[in-house]
Amino acid sequence: MVQSITNGIKISVKTRYNGAIQQGENEFNAFSYYISIENETTDTVQLLERFWEISDALNDKEYIEGEGVVGQKPIIQPNEFYTYKSNCFLFAAFGSMKGSFKMININTKEYFEVIIPTFQLTTTPLLN
């Protein structure tokens, strides 16, 4: 598990390899990633936007941005958390992802960024 804390928001990431899938003439490696967002502050926050940088060992980087996560803009109360699962498809047997969430402090109306640490996507477990 990879973790980081930015502005009192703790991000934890787990990944899982789901096997190879065929889409048309292309074969991809399918990965799931599980994100936990824990609010360690005394204020209520809301996730507004996401930004991802996806690195595939065989291709250029891909950048994805948009509103919310998995169709939601969760509001997270102090000392509570929100978790979600999403997927990524790579040509290569390994790659990585990193990014950020744009959030707002509901109490102060201030916007801030939370870093999503770099995490590995690999078909075989990596040894530390």
Protein backbone atom coordinates (compact mmCIF):
# COMPACT_ATOMS: atom_id res chain seq x y z
CA MET A 1 0.00 0.00 0.00
CA VAL A 2 1.19 3.50 -0.86
CA GLN A 3 0.17 6.45 1.35
CA SER A 4 0.66 10.19 1.61
CA ILE A 5 -0.85 13.11 3.52
CA THR A 6 -1.41 16.56 2.02
CA ASN A 7 -3.19 19.36 3.90
CA GLY A 8 -4.53 16.84 6.43
CA ILE A 9 -6.01 14.54 3.78
CA LYS A 10 -4.55 11.02 3.79
CA ILE A 11 -4.53 9.11 0.50
CA SER A 12 -3.99 5.33 0.54
CA VAL A 13 -3.69 3.27 -2.65
CA LYS A 14 -3.79 -0.49 -3.26
CA THR A 15 -3.56 -2.11 -6.69
CA ARG A 16 -4.47 -5.45 -8.21
CA TYR A 17 -3.66 -7.11 -11.51
CA ASN A 18 -6.79 -8.57 -13.14
CA GLY A 19 -5.21 -10.35 -16.11
CA ALA A 20 -4.98 -9.73 -19.83
CA ILE A 21 -8.05 -8.75 -21.82
CA GLN A 22 -8.64 -8.60 -25.55
CA GLN A 23 -10.34 -5.54 -27.07
CA GLY A 24 -10.54 -5.86 -30.82
CA GLU A 25 -7.04 -6.53 -32.12
CA ASN A 26 -5.35 -5.17 -28.99
CA GLU A 27 -4.44 -7.00 -25.81
CA PHE A 28 -4.28 -4.99 -22.58
CA ASN A 29 -3.25 -5.70 -19.03
CA ALA A 30 -6.13 -4.84 -16.71
CA PHE A 31 -5.47 -3.32 -13.30
CA SER A 32 -7.74 -2.18 -10.49
CA TYR A 33 -6.76 0.50 -8.02
CA TYR A 34 -8.43 1.18 -4.72
CA ILE A 35 -8.25 4.69 -3.30
CA SER A 36 -9.06 5.65 0.28
CA ILE A 37 -9.38 9.37 1.11
CA GLU A 38 -9.31 10.05 4.84
CA ASN A 39 -10.06 13.49 6.27
CA GLU A 40 -7.73 14.00 9.24
CA THR A 41 -8.71 17.67 9.63
CA THR A 42 -11.39 19.32 11.76
CA ASP A 43 -13.18 20.72 8.67
CA THR A 44 -15.54 19.15 6.14
CA VAL A 45 -14.06 18.81 2.65
CA GLN A 46 -15.38 17.94 -0.80
CA LEU A 47 -13.54 16.35 -3.70
CA LEU A 48 -14.27 18.34 -6.86
CA GLU A 49 -11.85 17.21 -9.58
CA ARG A 50 -9.19 14.61 -10.34
CA PHE A 51 -6.02 14.67 -12.41
CA TRP A 52 -4.07 11.53 -13.39
CA GLU A 53 -0.75 10.96 -15.11
CA ILE A 54 -0.59 7.36 -16.33
CA SER A 55 2.75 5.96 -17.47
CA ASP A 56 2.74 2.80 -19.57
CA ALA A 57 6.19 1.23 -20.07
CA LEU A 58 5.42 0.74 -23.78
CA ASN A 59 3.63 4.03 -24.55
CA ASP A 60 3.71 7.73 -23.87
CA LYS A 61 2.16 9.17 -20.77
CA GLU A 62 -1.57 9.70 -20.72
CA TYR A 63 -3.23 12.53 -18.82
CA ILE A 64 -6.78 12.34 -17.55
CA GLU A 65 -8.72 15.02 -15.76
CA GLY A 66 -12.34 15.55 -14.90
CA GLU A 67 -14.98 16.18 -12.31
CA GLY A 68 -15.18 14.00 -9.23
CA VAL A 69 -14.32 10.31 -9.07
CA VAL A 70 -16.44 7.42 -10.35
CA GLY A 71 -19.29 9.85 -11.02
CA GLN A 72 -19.30 11.33 -7.52
CA LYS A 73 -18.07 14.45 -5.72
CA PRO A 74 -17.91 13.06 -2.21
CA ILE A 75 -18.19 15.23 0.89
CA ILE A 76 -15.95 13.90 3.65
CA GLN A 77 -16.59 14.87 7.26
CA PRO A 78 -13.74 15.24 9.80
CA ASN A 79 -12.21 11.88 10.78
CA GLU A 80 -14.21 10.04 8.12
CA PHE A 81 -13.13 8.50 4.83
CA TYR A 82 -14.32 7.76 1.32
CA THR A 83 -13.15 4.81 -0.73
CA TYR A 84 -13.58 3.89 -4.37
CA LYS A 85 -12.29 1.45 -6.96
CA SER A 86 -11.43 2.17 -10.58
CA ASN A 87 -9.54 0.52 -13.42
CA CYS A 88 -6.65 1.13 -15.76
CA PHE A 89 -5.61 -0.71 -18.92
CA LEU A 90 -1.98 -0.82 -20.11
CA PHE A 91 -0.28 -2.34 -23.12
CA ALA A 92 2.80 -3.10 -21.01
CA ALA A 93 3.11 -5.52 -18.12
CA PHE A 94 3.93 -2.59 -15.86
CA GLY A 95 3.44 1.13 -15.48
CA SER A 96 2.57 3.69 -12.85
CA MET A 97 0.03 6.33 -11.92
CA LYS A 98 0.13 9.51 -9.90
CA GLY A 99 -2.03 12.56 -9.68
CA SER A 100 -3.98 14.95 -7.54
CA PHE A 101 -7.45 15.84 -6.31
CA LYS A 102 -8.80 19.39 -6.29
CA MET A 103 -10.80 19.82 -3.11
CA ILE A 104 -12.65 22.54 -1.26
CA ASN A 105 -12.80 23.15 2.46
CA ILE A 106 -16.57 23.51 2.99
CA ASN A 107 -16.06 25.57 6.18
CA THR A 108 -13.65 28.18 4.77
CA LYS A 109 -14.58 27.90 1.04
CA GLU A 110 -10.85 27.59 0.22
CA TYR A 111 -9.71 25.36 -2.63
CA PHE A 112 -6.67 23.14 -2.19
CA GLU A 113 -4.83 20.31 -3.91
CA VAL A 114 -4.18 16.85 -2.49
CA ILE A 115 -1.35 14.79 -3.97
CA ILE A 116 -1.96 11.19 -5.00
CA PRO A 117 1.41 9.46 -4.57
CA THR A 118 2.99 7.48 -7.39
CA PHE A 119 1.92 3.86 -7.34
CA GLN A 120 3.02 0.93 -9.47
CA LEU A 121 0.87 -1.17 -11.76
CA THR A 122 2.59 -4.49 -12.37
CA THR A 123 1.59 -7.96 -13.49
CA THR A 124 4.01 -9.51 -11.00
CA PRO A 125 4.60 -8.43 -7.40
CA LEU A 126 7.58 -6.13 -6.90
CA LEU A 127 10.01 -6.89 -4.14
CA ASN A 128 10.98 -4.06 -1.79
